[in-house]
Amino acid sequence: MGGGIMASIFEKIANVILRPFFNMVVLEEDGPETVHRKKVMVGVHVSIYVVCVATLLRTPWMVANGERLTARWLGFVVALSTSLIFGTHLFYTKTLTDRGIAGTLYGAVLAFIVNDWGGAALDSLRVWPCGIIVLDIALVCGTKKSVSYTILGTIVLWFTLVNLEGIFRVGLFDFEYFLDTQEYRHDWYNCEKIPCKRKPDYMLITMAVQVIIYVVDYHVTSTFAEGMRKEHKKIEAAIVAAQDIATALSRFDLVGAEDSIRTASLPEPLHNALNHILENLKMYRPYLPQSCLVTDYQSPGQGQGGHGKDGSGVFSNPYSVNKDESTSWRS
C-alpha cells in the first residue's frame, strides 16, 4: 500500500513537471498512439537534460580541484548531445519519427556504455542496468524490431568485452584517459593494474546473469507491449465497425447492416447483441409506414410544413446515402 501511495505521488509530481513540455509537442490531430509516443520521448529528453546538465555543471569545479575527467564525463556529453539533436527537432517541428526515437535511444546506449566503461575501469559504480530502461522504451514506443535487436545486441556485446577484459586484462581499461593506477590505489588491492584480474568462473557467471536479465526483460516487455497494441487495434476496428452498423440500422438498411455484422471482427457479446437487434428489426420492418423508410430524411421543421425545401415531403438523410442505394432495401 505504501508503495502504491509513493508511486501515485511520484506520478503526480512528474505530470506537473512534464505537462508544460507535453503541451509543447502534442497536437490536436495526433492519434492516441502518437500522443503516447510523444509523452514517453518528452520524458526521456527532459530526464537526460536534467541529469546531464546537472552533472556537467560540476566540470569547472572538478578541473579547478585538480580532478581528471573520466569516461563518465564523456558519457554524459554523448547523451546530452544526441538528446539535444533529436529533442530540438521534436520540440521545434512537433513531429516524432521512428528515426528520431531510434537516434535518441542509440545515443543513450552509447552514453551508458561509455559511462559503464569508466566505472569498470575504475572498479567503481557500474550503470549497465540503465540499458534496461532504454530497451523498454524502444519496445513500448513500438519501434521496428531492428532497433530493439540492435540495442540488445550492442549491450550483450559490451557485456562480453568487459567481462573478457576482467579475465584477461588485455588493455581495455588501461587507456591514458582514465585515472592512473597509483592515484586510485586502495589498500585492499593487491595487483599492479586496477581493477585486478577476476577468476574466469566469476566473470562468466556475472556475464550470464547480466545477459539473462536483459533477455528476460526483452521477452516480457515485448510480449506485453505487442499484446497491448493488438488489443488496441482490435478495439479501434470494433468501434469503426459498430459505428457503420449503427448507421445502417438507423436507416433500416438491414442488408448492409447484416453484411457488416457478418464481416466485422467484433467481441462476441457485441456481435450477439447486434444480431439480436437486426433480427428484431427484420420482423418489425414490414409494419413500419413507408415514410419511416425514406432515406432522404431531415428533421421536421425544415422546408414547408415539416416537408423538404421543395415541399415534396422528401427529407434529406443526415447520413449521406445515394438514392439508388435507398431503393434497394425498400423492396
C-alpha atoms as a PDB file:
ATOM      1  CA  MET A   1       0.000   0.000   0.000  1.00  0.00           C
ATOM      2  CA  GLY A   2       2.812   2.364   0.884  1.00  0.00           C
ATOM      3  CA  GLY A   3       4.498   1.655  -2.443  1.00  0.00           C
ATOM      4  CA  GLY A   4       1.292   2.488  -4.306  1.00  0.00           C
ATOM      5  CA  ILE A   5       0.973   5.788  -2.468  1.00  0.00           C
ATOM      6  CA  MET A   6       4.576   6.707  -3.246  1.00  0.00           C
ATOM      7  CA  ALA A   7       4.097   5.757  -6.905  1.00  0.00           C
ATOM      8  CA  SER A   8       0.984   7.924  -7.078  1.00  0.00           C
ATOM      9  CA  ILE A   9       2.845  10.860  -5.540  1.00  0.00           C
ATOM     10  CA  PHE A  10       5.755  10.498  -7.974  1.00  0.00           C
ATOM     11  CA  GLU A  11       3.335  10.217 -10.898  1.00  0.00           C
ATOM     12  CA  LYS A  12       1.563  13.438  -9.902  1.00  0.00           C
ATOM     13  CA  ILE A  13       4.870  15.263  -9.480  1.00  0.00           C
ATOM     14  CA  ALA A  14       6.074  14.035 -12.887  1.00  0.00           C
ATOM     15  CA  ASN A  15       2.810  15.142 -14.514  1.00  0.00           C
ATOM     16  CA  VAL A  16       3.112  18.610 -13.007  1.00  0.00           C
ATOM     17  CA  ILE A  17       6.721  18.963 -14.167  1.00  0.00           C
ATOM     18  CA  LEU A  18       6.333  17.441 -17.613  1.00  0.00           C
ATOM     19  CA  ARG A  19       2.860  18.690 -18.579  1.00  0.00           C
ATOM     20  CA  PRO A  20       4.135  22.037 -19.994  1.00  0.00           C
ATOM     21  CA  PHE A  21       6.564  20.114 -22.189  1.00  0.00           C
ATOM     22  CA  PHE A  22       3.805  17.707 -23.296  1.00  0.00           C
ATOM     23  CA  ASN A  23       1.645  20.641 -24.342  1.00  0.00           C
ATOM     24  CA  MET A  24       4.506  21.969 -26.460  1.00  0.00           C
ATOM     25  CA  VAL A  25       4.657  18.924 -28.731  1.00  0.00           C
ATOM     26  CA  VAL A  26       1.194  17.273 -28.667  1.00  0.00           C
ATOM     27  CA  LEU A  27      -1.120  18.409 -31.478  1.00  0.00           C
ATOM     28  CA  GLU A  28      -4.906  18.117 -31.675  1.00  0.00           C
ATOM     29  CA  GLU A  29      -4.724  15.898 -34.753  1.00  0.00           C
ATOM     30  CA  ASP A  30      -2.388  13.407 -33.082  1.00  0.00           C
ATOM     31  CA  GLY A  31      -3.818   9.950 -32.553  1.00  0.00           C
ATOM     32  CA  PRO A  32      -3.647   8.100 -29.210  1.00  0.00           C
ATOM     33  CA  GLU A  33      -0.514   6.136 -30.170  1.00  0.00           C
ATOM     34  CA  THR A  34       1.310   9.254 -31.365  1.00  0.00           C
ATOM     35  CA  VAL A  35       0.413  11.100 -28.160  1.00  0.00           C
ATOM     36  CA  HIS A  36       1.686   8.165 -26.105  1.00  0.00           C
ATOM     37  CA  ARG A  37       4.991   8.039 -28.004  1.00  0.00           C
ATOM     38  CA  LYS A  38       5.468  11.786 -27.700  1.00  0.00           C
ATOM     39  CA  LYS A  39       4.847  11.719 -23.970  1.00  0.00           C
ATOM     40  CA  VAL A  40       7.376   8.932 -23.486  1.00  0.00           C
ATOM     41  CA  MET A  41      10.062  10.678 -25.528  1.00  0.00           C
ATOM     42  CA  VAL A  42       9.433  14.049 -23.871  1.00  0.00           C
ATOM     43  CA  GLY A  43      10.036  12.364 -20.515  1.00  0.00           C
ATOM     44  CA  VAL A  44      13.229  10.793 -21.876  1.00  0.00           C
ATOM     45  CA  HIS A  45      14.605  14.066 -23.231  1.00  0.00           C
ATOM     46  CA  VAL A  46      13.767  16.093 -20.130  1.00  0.00           C
ATOM     47  CA  SER A  47      15.339  13.452 -17.877  1.00  0.00           C
ATOM     48  CA  ILE A  48      18.527  13.423 -19.962  1.00  0.00           C
ATOM     49  CA  TYR A  49      18.711  17.224 -19.950  1.00  0.00           C
ATOM     50  CA  VAL A  50      18.340  17.463 -16.188  1.00  0.00           C
ATOM     51  CA  VAL A  51      20.790  14.674 -15.287  1.00  0.00           C
ATOM     52  CA  CYS A  52      23.456  15.592 -17.843  1.00  0.00           C
ATOM     53  CA  VAL A  53      23.353  19.342 -17.291  1.00  0.00           C
ATOM     54  CA  ALA A  54      23.469  18.935 -13.506  1.00  0.00           C
ATOM     55  CA  THR A  55      26.472  16.619 -13.864  1.00  0.00           C
ATOM     56  CA  LEU A  56      28.352  18.682 -16.438  1.00  0.00           C
ATOM     57  CA  LEU A  57      27.946  21.856 -14.391  1.00  0.00           C
ATOM     58  CA  ARG A  58      30.340  20.265 -11.935  1.00  0.00           C
ATOM     59  CA  THR A  59      33.069  20.122 -14.584  1.00  0.00           C
ATOM     60  CA  PRO A  60      34.680  23.527 -13.843  1.00  0.00           C
ATOM     61  CA  TRP A  61      34.715  22.722 -10.129  1.00  0.00           C
ATOM     62  CA  MET A  62      36.317  19.323 -10.804  1.00  0.00           C
ATOM     63  CA  VAL A  63      39.005  20.822 -13.032  1.00  0.00           C
ATOM     64  CA  ALA A  64      39.709  23.589 -10.528  1.00  0.00           C
ATOM     65  CA  ASN A  65      40.270  20.951  -7.835  1.00  0.00           C
ATOM     66  CA  GLY A  66      42.694  19.005  -9.995  1.00  0.00           C
ATOM     67  CA  GLU A  67      40.398  16.070 -10.771  1.00  0.00           C
ATOM     68  CA  ARG A  68      40.785  14.291 -14.079  1.00  0.00           C
ATOM     69  CA  LEU A  69      37.768  13.855 -16.316  1.00  0.00           C
ATOM     70  CA  THR A  70      36.923  10.201 -16.755  1.00  0.00           C
ATOM     71  CA  ALA A  71      34.747   8.370 -19.258  1.00  0.00           C
ATOM     72  CA  ARG A  72      31.735   9.151 -17.089  1.00  0.00           C
ATOM     73  CA  TRP A  73      32.042  12.774 -18.165  1.00  0.00           C
ATOM     74  CA  LEU A  74      32.317  11.709 -21.809  1.00  0.00           C
ATOM     75  CA  GLY A  75      29.209   9.538 -21.426  1.00  0.00           C
ATOM     76  CA  PHE A  76      27.142  12.471 -20.199  1.00  0.00           C
ATOM     77  CA  VAL A  77      28.395  14.586 -23.106  1.00  0.00           C
ATOM     78  CA  VAL A  78      27.330  11.918 -25.608  1.00  0.00           C
ATOM     79  CA  ALA A  79      23.868  11.565 -24.035  1.00  0.00           C
ATOM     80  CA  LEU A  80      23.276  15.312 -23.920  1.00  0.00           C
ATOM     81  CA  SER A  81      24.490  15.850 -27.491  1.00  0.00           C
ATOM     82  CA  THR A  82      22.232  13.224 -29.067  1.00  0.00           C
ATOM     83  CA  SER A  83      19.254  14.297 -26.970  1.00  0.00           C
ATOM     84  CA  LEU A  84      19.773  17.936 -27.963  1.00  0.00           C
ATOM     85  CA  ILE A  85      19.796  16.986 -31.646  1.00  0.00           C
ATOM     86  CA  PHE A  86      16.657  14.852 -31.669  1.00  0.00           C
ATOM     87  CA  GLY A  87      14.909  16.665 -28.808  1.00  0.00           C
ATOM     88  CA  THR A  88      15.256  20.023 -30.534  1.00  0.00           C
ATOM     89  CA  HIS A  89      13.748  18.513 -33.683  1.00  0.00           C
ATOM     90  CA  LEU A  90      10.803  17.168 -31.655  1.00  0.00           C
ATOM     91  CA  PHE A  91      10.075  20.433 -29.851  1.00  0.00           C
ATOM     92  CA  TYR A  92      10.596  22.584 -32.947  1.00  0.00           C
ATOM     93  CA  THR A  93       8.665  20.557 -35.541  1.00  0.00           C
ATOM     94  CA  LYS A  94       6.226  18.853 -33.110  1.00  0.00           C
ATOM     95  CA  THR A  95       6.690  15.659 -35.113  1.00  0.00           C
ATOM     96  CA  LEU A  96       8.112  12.394 -33.836  1.00  0.00           C
ATOM     97  CA  THR A  97       9.589   9.933 -36.308  1.00  0.00           C
ATOM     98  CA  ASP A  98      10.915   6.415 -35.851  1.00  0.00           C
ATOM     99  CA  ARG A  99      14.325   7.745 -36.838  1.00  0.00           C
ATOM    100  CA  GLY A 100      14.171  10.323 -34.059  1.00  0.00           C
ATOM    101  CA  ILE A 101      13.269   7.696 -31.463  1.00  0.00           C
ATOM    102  CA  ALA A 102      15.969   5.310 -32.695  1.00  0.00           C
ATOM    103  CA  GLY A 103      18.615   8.042 -32.790  1.00  0.00           C
ATOM    104  CA  THR A 104      17.846   9.110 -29.230  1.00  0.00           C
ATOM    105  CA  LEU A 105      17.958   5.544 -27.938  1.00  0.00           C
ATOM    106  CA  TYR A 106      21.160   4.675 -29.803  1.00  0.00           C
ATOM    107  CA  GLY A 107      22.791   7.750 -28.316  1.00  0.00           C
ATOM    108  CA  ALA A 108      21.582   6.764 -24.851  1.00  0.00           C
ATOM    109  CA  VAL A 109      23.012   3.239 -25.269  1.00  0.00           C
ATOM    110  CA  LEU A 110      26.376   4.615 -26.380  1.00  0.00           C
ATOM    111  CA  ALA A 111      26.372   7.064 -23.472  1.00  0.00           C
ATOM    112  CA  PHE A 112      25.647   4.443 -20.823  1.00  0.00           C
ATOM    113  CA  ILE A 113      28.263   2.069 -22.306  1.00  0.00           C
ATOM    114  CA  VAL A 114      30.930   4.791 -22.173  1.00  0.00           C
ATOM    115  CA  ASN A 115      29.832   5.657 -18.642  1.00  0.00           C
ATOM    116  CA  ASP A 116      29.916   1.994 -17.614  1.00  0.00           C
ATOM    117  CA  TRP A 117      33.340   1.728 -19.226  1.00  0.00           C
ATOM    118  CA  GLY A 118      34.633   4.363 -16.838  1.00  0.00           C
ATOM    119  CA  GLY A 119      33.060   2.625 -13.861  1.00  0.00           C
ATOM    120  CA  ALA A 120      34.522  -0.745 -14.831  1.00  0.00           C
ATOM    121  CA  ALA A 121      37.979   0.749 -15.427  1.00  0.00           C
ATOM    122  CA  LEU A 122      37.979   2.425 -12.023  1.00  0.00           C
ATOM    123  CA  ASP A 123      36.290  -0.528 -10.314  1.00  0.00           C
ATOM    124  CA  SER A 124      33.545   1.807  -9.100  1.00  0.00           C
ATOM    125  CA  LEU A 125      29.829   2.300  -9.686  1.00  0.00           C
ATOM    126  CA  ARG A 126      28.509   0.487 -12.779  1.00  0.00           C
ATOM    127  CA  VAL A 127      25.500   1.767 -14.715  1.00  0.00           C
ATOM    128  CA  TRP A 128      24.773  -1.183 -17.011  1.00  0.00           C
ATOM    129  CA  PRO A 129      21.204  -1.599 -15.607  1.00  0.00           C
ATOM    130  CA  CYS A 130      20.329   1.727 -17.290  1.00  0.00           C
ATOM    131  CA  GLY A 131      20.272  -0.146 -20.583  1.00  0.00           C
ATOM    132  CA  ILE A 132      17.110  -1.934 -19.459  1.00  0.00           C
ATOM    133  CA  ILE A 133      15.286   1.389 -19.435  1.00  0.00           C
ATOM    134  CA  VAL A 134      16.494   2.173 -22.957  1.00  0.00           C
ATOM    135  CA  LEU A 135      15.435  -1.259 -24.213  1.00  0.00           C
ATOM    136  CA  ASP A 136      11.993  -0.971 -22.602  1.00  0.00           C
ATOM    137  CA  ILE A 137      11.428   2.463 -24.148  1.00  0.00           C
ATOM    138  CA  ALA A 138      12.211   1.043 -27.587  1.00  0.00           C
ATOM    139  CA  LEU A 139       9.663  -1.732 -27.046  1.00  0.00           C
ATOM    140  CA  VAL A 140       6.948   0.465 -25.533  1.00  0.00           C
ATOM    141  CA  CYS A 141       7.228   3.061 -28.316  1.00  0.00           C
ATOM    142  CA  GLY A 142       6.646   0.378 -30.937  1.00  0.00           C
ATOM    143  CA  THR A 143       9.870   0.936 -32.873  1.00  0.00           C
ATOM    144  CA  LYS A 144      10.972  -1.501 -35.550  1.00  0.00           C
ATOM    145  CA  LYS A 145      12.297  -4.796 -34.268  1.00  0.00           C
ATOM    146  CA  SER A 146      15.671  -3.968 -35.794  1.00  0.00           C
ATOM    147  CA  VAL A 147      16.013  -1.093 -33.293  1.00  0.00           C
ATOM    148  CA  SER A 148      15.415  -3.252 -30.208  1.00  0.00           C
ATOM    149  CA  TYR A 149      17.571  -6.046 -31.659  1.00  0.00           C
ATOM    150  CA  THR A 150      20.404  -3.577 -32.242  1.00  0.00           C
ATOM    151  CA  ILE A 151      20.146  -2.225 -28.715  1.00  0.00           C
ATOM    152  CA  LEU A 152      20.041  -5.702 -27.166  1.00  0.00           C
ATOM    153  CA  GLY A 153      22.893  -6.981 -29.345  1.00  0.00           C
ATOM    154  CA  THR A 154      25.072  -3.964 -28.576  1.00  0.00           C
ATOM    155  CA  ILE A 155      24.555  -4.388 -24.840  1.00  0.00           C
ATOM    156  CA  VAL A 156      25.309  -8.140 -24.950  1.00  0.00           C
ATOM    157  CA  LEU A 157      28.480  -7.407 -26.962  1.00  0.00           C
ATOM    158  CA  TRP A 158      29.531  -4.870 -24.341  1.00  0.00           C
ATOM    159  CA  PHE A 159      28.995  -7.398 -21.551  1.00  0.00           C
ATOM    160  CA  THR A 160      31.162  -9.860 -23.450  1.00  0.00           C
ATOM    161  CA  LEU A 161      34.008  -7.376 -23.925  1.00  0.00           C
ATOM    162  CA  VAL A 162      34.024  -6.017 -20.400  1.00  0.00           C
ATOM    163  CA  ASN A 163      33.903  -9.453 -18.788  1.00  0.00           C
ATOM    164  CA  LEU A 164      36.648 -10.829 -21.057  1.00  0.00           C
ATOM    165  CA  GLU A 165      38.747  -7.809 -20.087  1.00  0.00           C
ATOM    166  CA  GLY A 166      38.114  -8.679 -16.453  1.00  0.00           C
ATOM    167  CA  ILE A 167      39.519 -12.164 -17.066  1.00  0.00           C
ATOM    168  CA  PHE A 168      42.486 -11.462 -19.349  1.00  0.00           C
ATOM    169  CA  ARG A 169      43.179  -7.725 -18.800  1.00  0.00           C
ATOM    170  CA  VAL A 170      44.189  -7.115 -22.403  1.00  0.00           C
ATOM    171  CA  GLY A 171      44.202  -3.344 -22.028  1.00  0.00           C
ATOM    172  CA  LEU A 172      40.632  -2.160 -22.485  1.00  0.00           C
ATOM    173  CA  PHE A 173      40.816  -0.342 -19.137  1.00  0.00           C
ATOM    174  CA  ASP A 174      44.397   0.920 -19.492  1.00  0.00           C
ATOM    175  CA  PHE A 175      43.936   3.961 -21.673  1.00  0.00           C
ATOM    176  CA  GLU A 176      45.664   7.130 -20.554  1.00  0.00           C
ATOM    177  CA  TYR A 177      42.266   8.789 -20.359  1.00  0.00           C
ATOM    178  CA  PHE A 178      41.453   7.066 -17.056  1.00  0.00           C
ATOM    179  CA  LEU A 179      42.886   7.745 -13.639  1.00  0.00           C
ATOM    180  CA  ASP A 180      46.416   6.424 -13.092  1.00  0.00           C
ATOM    181  CA  THR A 181      46.701   3.209 -11.123  1.00  0.00           C
ATOM    182  CA  GLN A 182      48.826   4.765  -8.423  1.00  0.00           C
ATOM    183  CA  GLU A 183      46.413   7.672  -7.949  1.00  0.00           C
ATOM    184  CA  TYR A 184      43.485   5.337  -7.484  1.00  0.00           C
ATOM    185  CA  ARG A 185      45.161   2.633  -5.366  1.00  0.00           C
ATOM    186  CA  HIS A 186      43.425   1.386  -2.237  1.00  0.00           C
ATOM    187  CA  ASP A 187      44.802  -0.799   0.490  1.00  0.00           C
ATOM    188  CA  TRP A 188      42.633  -3.795  -0.437  1.00  0.00           C
ATOM    189  CA  TYR A 189      44.057  -4.016  -3.978  1.00  0.00           C
ATOM    190  CA  ASN A 190      46.976  -6.423  -4.315  1.00  0.00           C
ATOM    191  CA  CYS A 191      47.712  -6.172  -8.031  1.00  0.00           C
ATOM    192  CA  GLU A 192      49.630  -3.842 -10.299  1.00  0.00           C
ATOM    193  CA  LYS A 193      46.745  -2.993 -12.602  1.00  0.00           C
ATOM    194  CA  ILE A 194      43.481  -1.803 -11.174  1.00  0.00           C
ATOM    195  CA  PRO A 195      40.937  -3.323 -11.456  1.00  0.00           C
ATOM    196  CA  CYS A 196      42.560  -6.635 -10.695  1.00  0.00           C
ATOM    197  CA  LYS A 197      42.002  -9.737 -12.761  1.00  0.00           C
ATOM    198  CA  ARG A 198      38.996 -11.799 -11.809  1.00  0.00           C
ATOM    199  CA  LYS A 199      38.522 -15.546 -11.870  1.00  0.00           C
ATOM    200  CA  PRO A 200      37.019 -16.793 -15.158  1.00  0.00           C
ATOM    201  CA  ASP A 201      34.139 -18.590 -13.459  1.00  0.00           C
ATOM    202  CA  TYR A 202      33.192 -15.411 -11.565  1.00  0.00           C
ATOM    203  CA  MET A 203      33.217 -13.245 -14.705  1.00  0.00           C
ATOM    204  CA  LEU A 204      31.336 -15.815 -16.779  1.00  0.00           C
ATOM    205  CA  ILE A 205      28.629 -16.136 -14.131  1.00  0.00           C
ATOM    206  CA  THR A 206      28.412 -12.343 -13.981  1.00  0.00           C
ATOM    207  CA  MET A 207      28.005 -12.094 -17.746  1.00  0.00           C
ATOM    208  CA  ALA A 208      25.417 -14.880 -17.788  1.00  0.00           C
ATOM    209  CA  VAL A 209      23.346 -13.114 -15.120  1.00  0.00           C
ATOM    210  CA  GLN A 210      23.536  -9.809 -16.995  1.00  0.00           C
ATOM    211  CA  VAL A 211      22.504 -11.363 -20.305  1.00  0.00           C
ATOM    212  CA  ILE A 212      19.664 -13.353 -18.720  1.00  0.00           C
ATOM    213  CA  ILE A 213      18.295 -10.198 -17.087  1.00  0.00           C
ATOM    214  CA  TYR A 214      18.205  -8.392 -20.435  1.00  0.00           C
ATOM    215  CA  VAL A 215      16.797 -11.302 -22.423  1.00  0.00           C
ATOM    216  CA  VAL A 216      14.025 -11.967 -19.899  1.00  0.00           C
ATOM    217  CA  ASP A 217      13.178  -8.269 -19.747  1.00  0.00           C
ATOM    218  CA  TYR A 218      13.070  -8.119 -23.547  1.00  0.00           C
ATOM    219  CA  HIS A 219      10.771 -11.135 -23.784  1.00  0.00           C
ATOM    220  CA  VAL A 220       8.367  -9.972 -21.057  1.00  0.00           C
ATOM    221  CA  THR A 221       8.166  -6.347 -22.179  1.00  0.00           C
ATOM    222  CA  SER A 222       7.925  -7.098 -25.903  1.00  0.00           C
ATOM    223  CA  THR A 223       5.181  -9.690 -25.332  1.00  0.00           C
ATOM    224  CA  PHE A 224       3.180  -7.296 -23.175  1.00  0.00           C
ATOM    225  CA  ALA A 225       3.644  -4.299 -25.500  1.00  0.00           C
ATOM    226  CA  GLU A 226       2.787  -6.300 -28.619  1.00  0.00           C
ATOM    227  CA  GLY A 227      -0.315  -7.726 -26.961  1.00  0.00           C
ATOM    228  CA  MET A 228      -1.481  -4.276 -25.904  1.00  0.00           C
ATOM    229  CA  ARG A 229      -1.004  -2.897 -29.418  1.00  0.00           C
ATOM    230  CA  LYS A 230      -3.010  -5.771 -30.926  1.00  0.00           C
ATOM    231  CA  GLU A 231      -5.824  -5.244 -28.430  1.00  0.00           C
ATOM    232  CA  HIS A 232      -5.821  -1.521 -29.172  1.00  0.00           C
ATOM    233  CA  LYS A 233      -6.130  -2.174 -32.907  1.00  0.00           C
ATOM    234  CA  LYS A 234      -8.976  -4.636 -32.289  1.00  0.00           C
ATOM    235  CA  ILE A 235     -10.840  -2.076 -30.194  1.00  0.00           C
ATOM    236  CA  GLU A 236     -10.378   0.628 -32.839  1.00  0.00           C
ATOM    237  CA  ALA A 237     -11.615  -1.718 -35.578  1.00  0.00           C
ATOM    238  CA  ALA A 238     -14.601  -2.735 -33.430  1.00  0.00           C
ATOM    239  CA  ILE A 239     -15.541   0.888 -32.805  1.00  0.00           C
ATOM    240  CA  VAL A 240     -15.444   1.717 -36.526  1.00  0.00           C
ATOM    241  CA  ALA A 241     -17.446  -1.406 -37.395  1.00  0.00           C
ATOM    242  CA  ALA A 242     -20.026  -0.715 -34.674  1.00  0.00           C
ATOM    243  CA  GLN A 243     -20.424   2.835 -35.961  1.00  0.00           C
ATOM    244  CA  ASP A 244     -21.041   1.611 -39.517  1.00  0.00           C
ATOM    245  CA  ILE A 245     -23.537  -0.993 -38.303  1.00  0.00           C
ATOM    246  CA  ALA A 246     -25.396   1.523 -36.147  1.00  0.00           C
ATOM    247  CA  THR A 247     -25.601   3.902 -39.113  1.00  0.00           C
ATOM    248  CA  ALA A 248     -27.047   1.181 -41.336  1.00  0.00           C
ATOM    249  CA  LEU A 249     -29.557   0.114 -38.680  1.00  0.00           C
ATOM    250  CA  SER A 250     -30.723   3.689 -38.151  1.00  0.00           C
ATOM    251  CA  ARG A 251     -31.552   3.822 -41.900  1.00  0.00           C
ATOM    252  CA  PHE A 252     -33.201   0.400 -41.719  1.00  0.00           C
ATOM    253  CA  ASP A 253     -30.576  -0.709 -44.229  1.00  0.00           C
ATOM    254  CA  LEU A 254     -30.846  -4.265 -42.937  1.00  0.00           C
ATOM    255  CA  VAL A 255     -28.933  -5.847 -45.801  1.00  0.00           C
ATOM    256  CA  GLY A 256     -25.962  -3.557 -45.295  1.00  0.00           C
ATOM    257  CA  ALA A 257     -26.095  -3.986 -41.536  1.00  0.00           C
ATOM    258  CA  GLU A 258     -26.199  -7.772 -41.866  1.00  0.00           C
ATOM    259  CA  ASP A 259     -23.174  -7.752 -44.190  1.00  0.00           C
ATOM    260  CA  SER A 260     -21.246  -5.506 -41.797  1.00  0.00           C
ATOM    261  CA  ILE A 261     -22.063  -7.668 -38.786  1.00  0.00           C
ATOM    262  CA  ARG A 262     -21.014 -10.803 -40.629  1.00  0.00           C
ATOM    263  CA  THR A 263     -17.646  -9.427 -41.790  1.00  0.00           C
ATOM    264  CA  ALA A 264     -16.734  -7.262 -38.778  1.00  0.00           C
ATOM    265  CA  SER A 265     -14.335  -8.502 -36.113  1.00  0.00           C
ATOM    266  CA  LEU A 266     -16.390  -7.749 -33.004  1.00  0.00           C
ATOM    267  CA  PRO A 267     -16.339  -9.031 -29.442  1.00  0.00           C
ATOM    268  CA  GLU A 268     -18.773 -11.905 -29.085  1.00  0.00           C
ATOM    269  CA  PRO A 269     -21.206 -10.112 -26.697  1.00  0.00           C
ATOM    270  CA  LEU A 270     -21.436  -7.113 -29.024  1.00  0.00           C
ATOM    271  CA  HIS A 271     -21.777  -9.364 -32.072  1.00  0.00           C
ATOM    272  CA  ASN A 272     -24.666 -11.268 -30.455  1.00  0.00           C
ATOM    273  CA  ALA A 273     -26.404  -8.062 -29.320  1.00  0.00           C
ATOM    274  CA  LEU A 274     -26.244  -6.505 -32.803  1.00  0.00           C
ATOM    275  CA  ASN A 275     -27.536  -9.702 -34.377  1.00  0.00           C
ATOM    276  CA  HIS A 276     -30.434  -9.695 -31.928  1.00  0.00           C
ATOM    277  CA  ILE A 277     -31.267  -6.075 -32.838  1.00  0.00           C
ATOM    278  CA  LEU A 278     -31.052  -6.966 -36.533  1.00  0.00           C
ATOM    279  CA  GLU A 279     -33.472  -9.883 -36.178  1.00  0.00           C
ATOM    280  CA  ASN A 280     -35.953  -7.705 -34.276  1.00  0.00           C
ATOM    281  CA  LEU A 281     -35.803  -5.023 -36.961  1.00  0.00           C
ATOM    282  CA  LYS A 282     -36.344  -7.627 -39.688  1.00  0.00           C
ATOM    283  CA  MET A 283     -39.586  -8.681 -38.005  1.00  0.00           C
ATOM    284  CA  TYR A 284     -40.633  -5.112 -37.240  1.00  0.00           C
ATOM    285  CA  ARG A 285     -39.802  -3.549 -40.602  1.00  0.00           C
ATOM    286  CA  PRO A 286     -42.868  -4.765 -42.604  1.00  0.00           C
ATOM    287  CA  TYR A 287     -45.186  -2.979 -40.157  1.00  0.00           C
ATOM    288  CA  LEU A 288     -43.475   0.400 -40.483  1.00  0.00           C
ATOM    289  CA  PRO A 289     -45.115   3.125 -42.565  1.00  0.00           C
ATOM    290  CA  GLN A 290     -43.340   3.917 -45.818  1.00  0.00           C
ATOM    291  CA  SER A 291     -42.371   7.363 -44.540  1.00  0.00           C
ATOM    292  CA  CYS A 292     -40.121   5.783 -41.925  1.00  0.00           C
ATOM    293  CA  LEU A 293     -38.149   4.025 -44.639  1.00  0.00           C
ATOM    294  CA  VAL A 294     -37.334   7.129 -46.656  1.00  0.00           C
ATOM    295  CA  THR A 295     -33.598   7.614 -46.723  1.00  0.00           C
ATOM    296  CA  ASP A 296     -33.685  11.267 -47.725  1.00  0.00           C
ATOM    297  CA  TYR A 297     -34.742  12.424 -44.272  1.00  0.00           C
ATOM    298  CA  GLN A 298     -34.179  15.654 -42.434  1.00  0.00           C
ATOM    299  CA  SER A 299     -35.515  16.856 -39.128  1.00  0.00           C
ATOM    300  CA  PRO A 300     -39.096  18.217 -39.087  1.00  0.00           C
ATOM    301  CA  GLY A 301     -39.380  21.959 -39.335  1.00  0.00           C
ATOM    302  CA  GLN A 302     -37.172  22.294 -42.394  1.00  0.00           C
ATOM    303  CA  GLY A 303     -39.000  23.305 -45.538  1.00  0.00           C
ATOM    304  CA  GLN A 304     -42.734  23.907 -45.620  1.00  0.00           C
ATOM    305  CA  GLY A 305     -44.952  22.166 -43.126  1.00  0.00           C
ATOM    306  CA  GLY A 306     -42.198  19.897 -41.935  1.00  0.00           C
ATOM    307  CA  HIS A 307     -41.512  18.792 -45.513  1.00  0.00           C
ATOM    308  CA  GLY A 308     -38.423  19.248 -47.639  1.00  0.00           C
ATOM    309  CA  LYS A 309     -37.470  22.591 -49.030  1.00  0.00           C
ATOM    310  CA  ASP A 310     -39.270  21.804 -52.244  1.00  0.00           C
ATOM    311  CA  GLY A 311     -42.423  20.781 -50.340  1.00  0.00           C
ATOM    312  CA  SER A 312     -42.221  17.270 -51.740  1.00  0.00           C
ATOM    313  CA  GLY A 313     -42.343  15.553 -48.405  1.00  0.00           C
ATOM    314  CA  VAL A 314     -38.916  14.007 -49.073  1.00  0.00           C
ATOM    315  CA  PHE A 315     -36.467  14.776 -46.336  1.00  0.00           C
ATOM    316  CA  SER A 316     -32.659  14.732 -46.561  1.00  0.00           C
ATOM    317  CA  ASN A 317     -30.897  11.991 -44.654  1.00  0.00           C
ATOM    318  CA  PRO A 318     -28.326  13.017 -42.046  1.00  0.00           C
ATOM    319  CA  TYR A 319     -26.260  10.127 -43.438  1.00  0.00           C
ATOM    320  CA  SER A 320     -25.240  10.779 -47.000  1.00  0.00           C
ATOM    321  CA  VAL A 321     -26.853   7.821 -48.808  1.00  0.00           C
ATOM    322  CA  ASN A 322     -27.374   7.578 -52.530  1.00  0.00           C
ATOM    323  CA  LYS A 323     -30.956   7.366 -53.769  1.00  0.00           C
ATOM    324  CA  ASP A 324     -30.065   4.333 -55.827  1.00  0.00           C
ATOM    325  CA  GLU A 325     -28.921   2.643 -52.639  1.00  0.00           C
ATOM    326  CA  SER A 326     -32.097   3.622 -50.792  1.00  0.00           C
ATOM    327  CA  THR A 327     -34.382   1.884 -53.292  1.00  0.00           C
ATOM    328  CA  SER A 328     -32.505  -1.385 -52.953  1.00  0.00           C
ATOM    329  CA  TRP A 329     -33.653  -2.013 -49.409  1.00  0.00           C
ATOM    330  CA  ARG A 330     -37.189  -0.577 -49.652  1.00  0.00           C
ATOM    331  CA  SER A 331     -38.366  -3.517 -51.760  1.00  0.00           C
END
